[in-house]
Amino acid sequence: MELQSELEAVAKVIREHRSALATEEAAKTTLVMPFLKALGYNVFNPGEVIPEYTADVGVKRGEKVDYAICIDGNVQMLVECKSAGSDLKVENASQLFRYFSVEDAKIAVLTNGVVYQFYSDIEAPNRMDNRPFFTCRLDDLKKSDFETLARFSKDGFDIDEIKSVAGTLKLHTMVRRQLEEEFSSPSAEFVRLIGGKVHDGRLTAQVADKLQAAIKSGVAAVIRERVNQRLTAALKDPTGWDAEEMIEPEKEIETTDDEWQGYHIVCAIVAAKVNPERVVIRDAQSYCAILLDDNNRRTIARLHFNSDTTRYLGLFHGKEEARVPVEGPRDIYKHADAILSRVDELGA
């Protein structure tokens, strides 16, 4: 994936030249601009990336935000940059708060070039939240980060889809951060919770200290066992394993009528080449995959039907996915040739 390779190149710069990125200008030129370029924006086209974006906000005249990102002539994202070594505190992003209330953009990004925090107005309309709904570090990118970042790319940007998953992303981020803190240094409340389930009698300070140590080692053991189980399963069936499943939390997923209809249409199209019984539907939170032989390495197509306003059919060539807009399931028939070509490519 081009996005992944370009972001990994930026991560390499961070690792090799961190000491030279101390100033805000260095972070903007060396890290933030390549980041925006990786998302598909032309950083040298002021029609797409406006540096030092200025708007009059109330009594604040001529105040600037570092970048405004435009799509189809409309400002969609605001980006405020700090130096690479600085901590990101929302209190230091007053420009973003003020601009968010008067601009049409519903995505604000606070970054130091290494860490990127994405904000929206999930809690109150037209008012930027105090907490980001998504945070990533370029020097520690996870597989799931690339899929999320692709939503903010020029070709994949869909504000309705972004906002539909932003609340879930924010909740998962907060829960994960809290769990990481509890696992590394169990709080008194967490110790009391576990202690009440495993210890009879009064929870003295001495007992609490022993429980805290036992909780830390117990959590580490559970994680090791889960990883070993996944690795053992992968060795037994390497073609059907997806590393993403190791870290993806369980979610409530409901396959819609349109997704079922889209699946049946794909089955009808590929019936000319393969037995439709080999075609399997596998629903996920952000898309519905249609697979050959129930193997996620043999994806025929994806249905991006979760948005109420914009829908896409994901067509594959190699490992690359191209999203084409569709009005509904019946439009899939228009792409029958591409779907059949994909089946040939999979060696069905």
Protein backbone atom coordinates (compact mmCIF):
# COMPACT_ATOMS: atom_id res chain seq x y z
CA MET A 1 0.00 0.00 0.00
CA GLU A 2 1.40 3.37 -1.03
CA LEU A 3 0.11 5.11 2.10
CA GLN A 4 1.83 2.59 4.35
CA SER A 5 5.18 2.76 2.54
CA GLU A 6 5.22 6.58 2.55
CA LEU A 7 4.34 6.80 6.25
CA GLU A 8 6.99 4.21 7.08
CA ALA A 9 9.50 6.42 5.23
CA VAL A 10 8.52 9.36 7.45
CA ALA A 11 8.85 7.12 10.51
CA LYS A 12 12.40 6.28 9.42
CA VAL A 13 13.25 10.00 9.29
CA ILE A 14 11.94 10.35 12.86
CA ARG A 15 14.10 7.51 14.10
CA GLU A 16 17.26 8.65 12.33
CA HIS A 17 17.03 12.45 12.73
CA ARG A 18 14.97 13.04 15.88
CA SER A 19 17.56 15.43 17.36
CA ALA A 20 17.35 17.69 14.28
CA LEU A 21 13.56 18.10 14.53
CA ALA A 22 13.38 20.26 17.63
CA THR A 23 11.78 23.33 16.03
CA GLU A 24 8.24 23.76 14.80
CA GLU A 25 9.42 24.65 11.28
CA ALA A 26 11.56 21.50 11.12
CA ALA A 27 8.59 19.38 12.18
CA LYS A 28 6.31 21.01 9.60
CA THR A 29 8.73 20.74 6.67
CA THR A 30 10.26 17.34 7.42
CA LEU A 31 7.32 15.47 8.96
CA VAL A 32 3.92 17.12 8.56
CA MET A 33 4.18 18.00 4.88
CA PRO A 34 5.30 14.44 3.94
CA PHE A 35 2.44 13.14 6.10
CA LEU A 36 -0.09 15.22 4.16
CA LYS A 37 1.54 14.13 0.89
CA ALA A 38 1.20 10.47 1.94
CA LEU A 39 -2.54 11.12 2.37
CA GLY A 40 -2.67 12.19 -1.26
CA TYR A 41 -2.71 15.98 -0.90
CA ASN A 42 -0.53 18.19 -3.10
CA VAL A 43 1.33 20.24 -0.51
CA PHE A 44 2.51 22.63 -3.23
CA ASN A 45 -1.01 23.38 -4.45
CA PRO A 46 -2.59 26.16 -2.34
CA GLY A 47 -5.94 24.98 -3.65
CA GLU A 48 -5.48 21.80 -1.60
CA VAL A 49 -3.12 22.72 1.22
CA ILE A 50 -3.29 26.33 2.41
CA PRO A 51 -0.38 27.23 4.72
CA GLU A 52 -0.82 29.90 7.39
CA TYR A 53 -4.57 29.86 6.92
CA THR A 54 -6.13 33.06 8.21
CA ALA A 55 -9.68 33.90 9.21
CA ASP A 56 -11.12 36.63 11.37
CA VAL A 57 -12.67 35.01 14.43
CA GLY A 58 -14.62 37.39 16.65
CA VAL A 59 -12.24 39.92 18.13
CA LYS A 60 -9.25 37.85 17.01
CA ARG A 61 -8.03 39.39 13.76
CA GLY A 62 -5.46 37.78 11.51
CA GLU A 63 -4.95 34.72 13.72
CA LYS A 64 -3.52 31.80 11.75
CA VAL A 65 -3.75 28.02 11.78
CA ASP A 66 -0.81 26.21 10.18
CA TYR A 67 -2.66 24.36 7.39
CA ALA A 68 -6.15 24.18 5.97
CA ILE A 69 -6.83 21.08 3.85
CA CYS A 70 -9.26 21.55 0.99
CA ILE A 71 -11.21 19.00 -1.03
CA ASP A 72 -13.25 20.19 -4.02
CA GLY A 73 -12.62 23.78 -2.96
CA ASN A 74 -13.98 23.35 0.57
CA VAL A 75 -11.93 23.41 3.75
CA GLN A 76 -12.30 19.95 5.31
CA MET A 77 -9.48 19.72 7.85
CA LEU A 78 -7.54 22.19 9.99
CA VAL A 79 -4.00 21.31 11.10
CA GLU A 80 -2.11 22.97 13.94
CA CYS A 81 1.58 22.08 14.35
CA LYS A 82 3.92 22.15 17.33
CA SER A 83 7.62 21.31 17.58
CA ALA A 84 8.53 17.61 17.44
CA GLY A 85 9.67 17.49 21.05
CA SER A 86 6.65 19.22 22.55
CA ASP A 87 3.78 17.55 24.39
CA LEU A 88 0.43 17.91 22.70
CA LYS A 89 -2.05 19.62 24.99
CA VAL A 90 -5.42 20.69 23.72
CA GLU A 91 -5.10 23.81 25.89
CA ASN A 92 -2.38 24.98 23.49
CA ALA A 93 -4.64 24.69 20.44
CA SER A 94 -6.87 27.72 21.01
CA GLN A 95 -6.76 28.57 17.28
CA LEU A 96 -8.31 25.22 16.41
CA PHE A 97 -11.14 25.76 18.90
CA ARG A 98 -11.94 29.22 17.53
CA TYR A 99 -11.66 28.23 13.86
CA PHE A 100 -13.74 25.11 14.41
CA SER A 101 -16.74 27.18 15.48
CA VAL A 102 -16.77 29.34 12.34
CA GLU A 103 -15.36 27.10 9.57
CA ASP A 104 -17.17 24.29 7.76
CA ALA A 105 -14.32 21.89 8.52
CA LYS A 106 -15.33 19.21 11.00
CA ILE A 107 -11.92 17.60 11.46
CA ALA A 108 -9.11 19.29 13.39
CA VAL A 109 -5.62 17.83 13.74
CA LEU A 110 -3.12 18.74 16.45
CA THR A 111 0.37 17.37 15.79
CA ASN A 112 4.04 17.69 16.60
CA GLY A 113 4.93 15.74 13.46
CA VAL A 114 5.33 12.49 15.38
CA VAL A 115 1.99 12.25 17.19
CA TYR A 116 -1.25 13.13 15.40
CA GLN A 117 -4.45 13.83 17.34
CA PHE A 118 -7.72 13.99 15.39
CA TYR A 119 -10.65 15.96 16.82
CA SER A 120 -14.25 16.52 15.77
CA ASP A 121 -17.53 17.70 17.33
CA ILE A 122 -18.87 14.40 18.62
CA GLU A 123 -20.03 15.70 21.99
CA ALA A 124 -21.62 18.99 20.85
CA PRO A 125 -22.30 20.19 17.27
CA ASN A 126 -19.94 22.90 15.95
CA ARG A 127 -17.83 22.75 19.09
CA MET A 128 -14.49 20.97 18.99
CA ASP A 129 -14.20 18.18 21.56
CA ASN A 130 -11.62 18.41 24.33
CA ARG A 131 -10.40 14.89 23.60
CA PRO A 132 -9.28 13.41 20.28
CA PHE A 133 -11.28 10.56 18.78
CA PHE A 134 -8.17 9.08 17.16
CA THR A 135 -4.46 9.33 17.98
CA CYS A 136 -1.50 7.73 16.24
CA ARG A 137 2.28 7.88 16.44
CA LEU A 138 4.25 7.72 13.20
CA ASP A 139 7.15 6.06 15.01
CA ASP A 140 4.85 3.32 16.35
CA LEU A 141 2.20 2.71 13.70
CA LYS A 142 -0.09 -0.29 14.05
CA LYS A 143 -1.79 -2.11 11.20
CA SER A 144 -5.18 -0.75 12.24
CA ASP A 145 -3.78 2.81 12.09
CA PHE A 146 -3.24 2.61 8.33
CA GLU A 147 -6.89 1.74 7.69
CA THR A 148 -8.05 4.60 9.90
CA LEU A 149 -5.64 7.10 8.34
CA ALA A 150 -6.85 6.12 4.87
CA ARG A 151 -10.22 7.64 5.82
CA PHE A 152 -8.54 11.07 5.91
CA SER A 153 -6.84 10.72 2.53
CA LYS A 154 -7.86 12.84 -0.43
CA ASP A 155 -9.38 9.88 -2.30
CA GLY A 156 -10.98 8.24 0.73
CA PHE A 157 -12.25 11.30 2.61
CA ASP A 158 -15.92 10.99 3.53
CA ILE A 159 -16.92 13.19 6.45
CA ASP A 160 -20.16 11.27 7.06
CA GLU A 161 -18.30 7.96 7.27
CA ILE A 162 -15.59 9.48 9.47
CA LYS A 163 -18.10 10.91 11.93
CA SER A 164 -20.08 7.67 11.96
CA VAL A 165 -17.06 5.79 13.36
CA ALA A 166 -15.43 8.64 15.29
CA GLY A 167 -17.46 8.03 18.45
CA THR A 168 -16.53 4.35 18.47
CA LEU A 169 -12.87 5.14 17.83
CA LYS A 170 -12.86 7.65 20.65
CA LEU A 171 -14.42 5.21 23.10
CA HIS A 172 -12.01 2.43 22.12
CA THR A 173 -9.04 4.79 22.48
CA MET A 174 -10.10 5.90 25.96
CA VAL A 175 -10.82 2.34 27.12
CA ARG A 176 -7.56 1.04 25.71
CA ARG A 177 -5.55 3.84 27.35
CA GLN A 178 -7.24 3.19 30.69
CA LEU A 179 -6.61 -0.55 30.45
CA GLU A 180 -2.95 0.02 29.59
CA GLU A 181 -2.60 2.19 32.69
CA GLU A 182 -4.35 -0.36 34.89
CA PHE A 183 -2.30 -3.26 33.52
CA SER A 184 1.03 -1.48 33.97
CA SER A 185 0.20 0.09 37.34
CA PRO A 186 -3.06 -1.21 38.85
CA SER A 187 -4.97 1.51 40.67
CA ALA A 188 -6.33 1.11 44.19
CA GLU A 189 -9.84 0.86 42.76
CA PHE A 190 -8.83 -1.91 40.36
CA VAL A 191 -6.99 -3.79 43.12
CA ARG A 192 -10.09 -3.58 45.33
CA LEU A 193 -12.27 -4.84 42.46
CA ILE A 194 -10.10 -7.90 41.83
CA GLY A 195 -9.39 -8.35 45.52
CA GLY A 196 -13.09 -8.56 46.30
CA LYS A 197 -13.35 -11.50 43.91
CA VAL A 198 -10.26 -13.47 44.93
CA HIS A 199 -9.55 -12.59 48.58
CA ASP A 200 -11.59 -13.48 51.65
CA GLY A 201 -11.27 -11.12 54.55
CA ARG A 202 -10.13 -7.54 55.03
CA LEU A 203 -8.06 -5.99 52.27
CA THR A 204 -5.09 -4.66 54.24
CA ALA A 205 -2.29 -2.59 52.74
CA GLN A 206 0.00 -5.61 52.78
CA VAL A 207 -2.57 -7.75 50.96
CA ALA A 208 -3.22 -4.96 48.46
CA ASP A 209 0.51 -4.77 47.62
CA LYS A 210 0.61 -8.52 46.98
CA LEU A 211 -2.54 -8.31 44.86
CA GLN A 212 -1.14 -5.47 42.79
CA ALA A 213 1.97 -7.51 41.95
CA ALA A 214 -0.16 -10.59 41.23
CA ILE A 215 -2.47 -8.60 38.92
CA LYS A 216 0.46 -7.27 36.87
CA SER A 217 2.00 -10.72 36.43
CA GLY A 218 -1.40 -12.30 35.82
CA VAL A 219 -2.30 -9.84 33.05
CA ALA A 220 1.09 -10.39 31.40
CA ALA A 221 0.54 -14.17 31.53
CA VAL A 222 -2.94 -13.92 29.99
CA ILE A 223 -1.64 -11.76 27.13
CA ARG A 224 1.24 -14.18 26.45
CA GLU A 225 -1.14 -17.14 26.39
CA ARG A 226 -3.55 -15.39 24.01
CA VAL A 227 -0.71 -14.48 21.65
CA ASN A 228 0.66 -18.03 21.76
CA GLN A 229 -2.78 -19.43 20.97
CA ARG A 230 -3.08 -17.14 17.96
CA LEU A 231 0.40 -18.00 16.74
CA THR A 232 -0.29 -21.72 17.12
CA ALA A 233 -3.48 -21.34 15.10
CA ALA A 234 -1.59 -19.36 12.46
CA LEU A 235 1.02 -22.09 12.10
CA LYS A 236 -1.70 -24.70 11.63
CA ASP A 237 -3.56 -22.59 9.02
CA PRO A 238 -1.29 -19.80 7.74
CA THR A 239 -3.55 -18.94 4.78
CA GLY A 240 -6.57 -18.14 6.89
CA TRP A 241 -4.95 -16.02 9.57
CA ASP A 242 -5.10 -12.27 9.78
CA ALA A 243 -2.86 -10.47 12.25
CA GLU A 244 -5.49 -7.78 12.59
CA GLU A 245 -7.74 -10.27 14.35
CA MET A 246 -5.22 -10.48 17.20
CA ILE A 247 -5.79 -6.89 18.18
CA GLU A 248 -9.22 -6.02 16.85
CA PRO A 249 -11.75 -5.79 19.69
CA GLU A 250 -15.00 -7.64 19.44
CA LYS A 251 -17.80 -5.42 18.18
CA GLU A 252 -21.49 -5.73 17.61
CA ILE A 253 -21.90 -6.11 13.86
CA GLU A 254 -25.17 -6.35 12.00
CA THR A 255 -25.19 -7.32 8.33
CA THR A 256 -27.78 -5.12 6.62
CA ASP A 257 -30.28 -6.13 3.94
CA ASP A 258 -28.34 -4.10 1.35
CA GLU A 259 -25.13 -5.95 2.27
CA TRP A 260 -26.87 -9.31 1.89
CA GLN A 261 -28.30 -8.17 -1.44
CA GLY A 262 -24.84 -7.04 -2.57
CA TYR A 263 -23.39 -10.40 -1.54
CA HIS A 264 -26.00 -12.31 -3.55
CA ILE A 265 -25.37 -10.11 -6.59
CA VAL A 266 -21.64 -10.86 -6.42
CA CYS A 267 -22.46 -14.57 -6.10
CA ALA A 268 -24.60 -14.34 -9.23
CA ILE A 269 -21.83 -12.58 -11.15
CA VAL A 270 -19.07 -15.04 -10.24
CA ALA A 271 -21.29 -18.10 -10.80
CA ALA A 272 -20.03 -18.08 -14.40
CA LYS A 273 -16.56 -19.04 -13.13
CA VAL A 274 -16.87 -20.61 -9.66
CA ASN A 275 -19.38 -22.44 -7.52
CA PRO A 276 -21.23 -19.72 -5.55
CA GLU A 277 -21.01 -21.93 -2.46
CA ARG A 278 -17.30 -21.04 -2.34
CA VAL A 279 -18.19 -17.35 -1.95
CA VAL A 280 -18.53 -16.23 1.67
CA ILE A 281 -19.65 -12.99 3.29
CA ARG A 282 -17.67 -11.73 6.29
CA ASP A 283 -18.92 -8.52 7.89
CA ALA A 284 -16.67 -6.10 9.77
CA GLN A 285 -17.25 -2.78 11.52
CA SER A 286 -16.30 -0.53 8.61
CA TYR A 287 -16.96 -2.74 5.57
CA CYS A 288 -18.41 -6.06 4.46
CA ALA A 289 -15.93 -8.40 2.76
CA ILE A 290 -16.85 -10.97 0.11
CA LEU A 291 -14.27 -13.74 0.13
CA LEU A 292 -13.41 -16.78 -1.93
CA ASP A 293 -13.20 -19.97 0.16
CA ASP A 294 -13.70 -17.93 3.37
CA ASN A 295 -10.06 -16.77 3.11
CA ASN A 296 -9.39 -13.12 3.88
CA ARG A 297 -6.34 -13.28 1.63
CA ARG A 298 -8.67 -14.02 -1.30
CA THR A 299 -10.98 -11.02 -1.19
CA ILE A 300 -13.23 -10.68 -4.23
CA ALA A 301 -14.76 -7.31 -3.26
CA ARG A 302 -15.77 -5.16 -0.32
CA LEU A 303 -19.05 -3.39 0.34
CA HIS A 304 -18.64 -0.02 2.06
CA PHE A 305 -22.33 0.47 2.75
CA ASN A 306 -22.27 1.79 6.34
CA SER A 307 -22.76 5.44 5.43
CA ASP A 308 -26.32 6.65 4.87
CA THR A 309 -25.24 9.15 2.21
CA THR A 310 -22.23 7.72 0.34
CA ARG A 311 -21.56 4.12 -0.61
CA TYR A 312 -18.61 2.45 -2.29
CA LEU A 313 -17.81 -0.87 -3.90
CA GLY A 314 -14.23 -1.95 -3.19
CA LEU A 315 -12.62 -3.60 -6.24
CA PHE A 316 -9.27 -5.35 -6.00
CA HIS A 317 -6.23 -5.79 -8.19
CA GLY A 318 -3.42 -7.48 -6.33
CA LYS A 319 -3.40 -6.08 -2.81
CA GLU A 320 -4.70 -2.66 -3.86
CA GLU A 321 -8.33 -1.69 -3.31
CA ALA A 322 -10.03 0.87 -5.51
CA ARG A 323 -13.29 2.31 -4.18
CA VAL A 324 -15.93 3.22 -6.74
CA PRO A 325 -19.10 5.05 -5.72
CA VAL A 326 -22.42 3.20 -6.07
CA GLU A 327 -25.96 4.28 -5.30
CA GLY A 328 -27.02 0.83 -4.15
CA PRO A 329 -26.44 -2.91 -4.53
CA ARG A 330 -27.79 -3.07 -8.10
CA ASP A 331 -24.93 -0.84 -9.30
CA ILE A 332 -22.60 -3.76 -8.58
CA TYR A 333 -23.73 -5.29 -11.88
CA LYS A 334 -22.01 -2.38 -13.68
CA HIS A 335 -18.68 -3.70 -12.40
CA ALA A 336 -19.19 -7.36 -13.29
CA ASP A 337 -16.15 -7.43 -15.60
CA ALA A 338 -13.85 -6.16 -12.84
CA ILE A 339 -15.26 -8.72 -10.39
CA LEU A 340 -14.80 -11.59 -12.86
CA SER A 341 -11.27 -10.38 -13.59
CA ARG A 342 -10.55 -10.51 -9.85
CA VAL A 343 -11.80 -14.11 -9.70
CA ASP A 344 -9.43 -15.01 -12.56
CA GLU A 345 -6.60 -13.28 -10.69
CA LEU A 346 -7.29 -15.39 -7.62
CA GLY A 347 -6.85 -18.52 -9.70
CA ALA A 348 -10.29 -19.82 -8.93
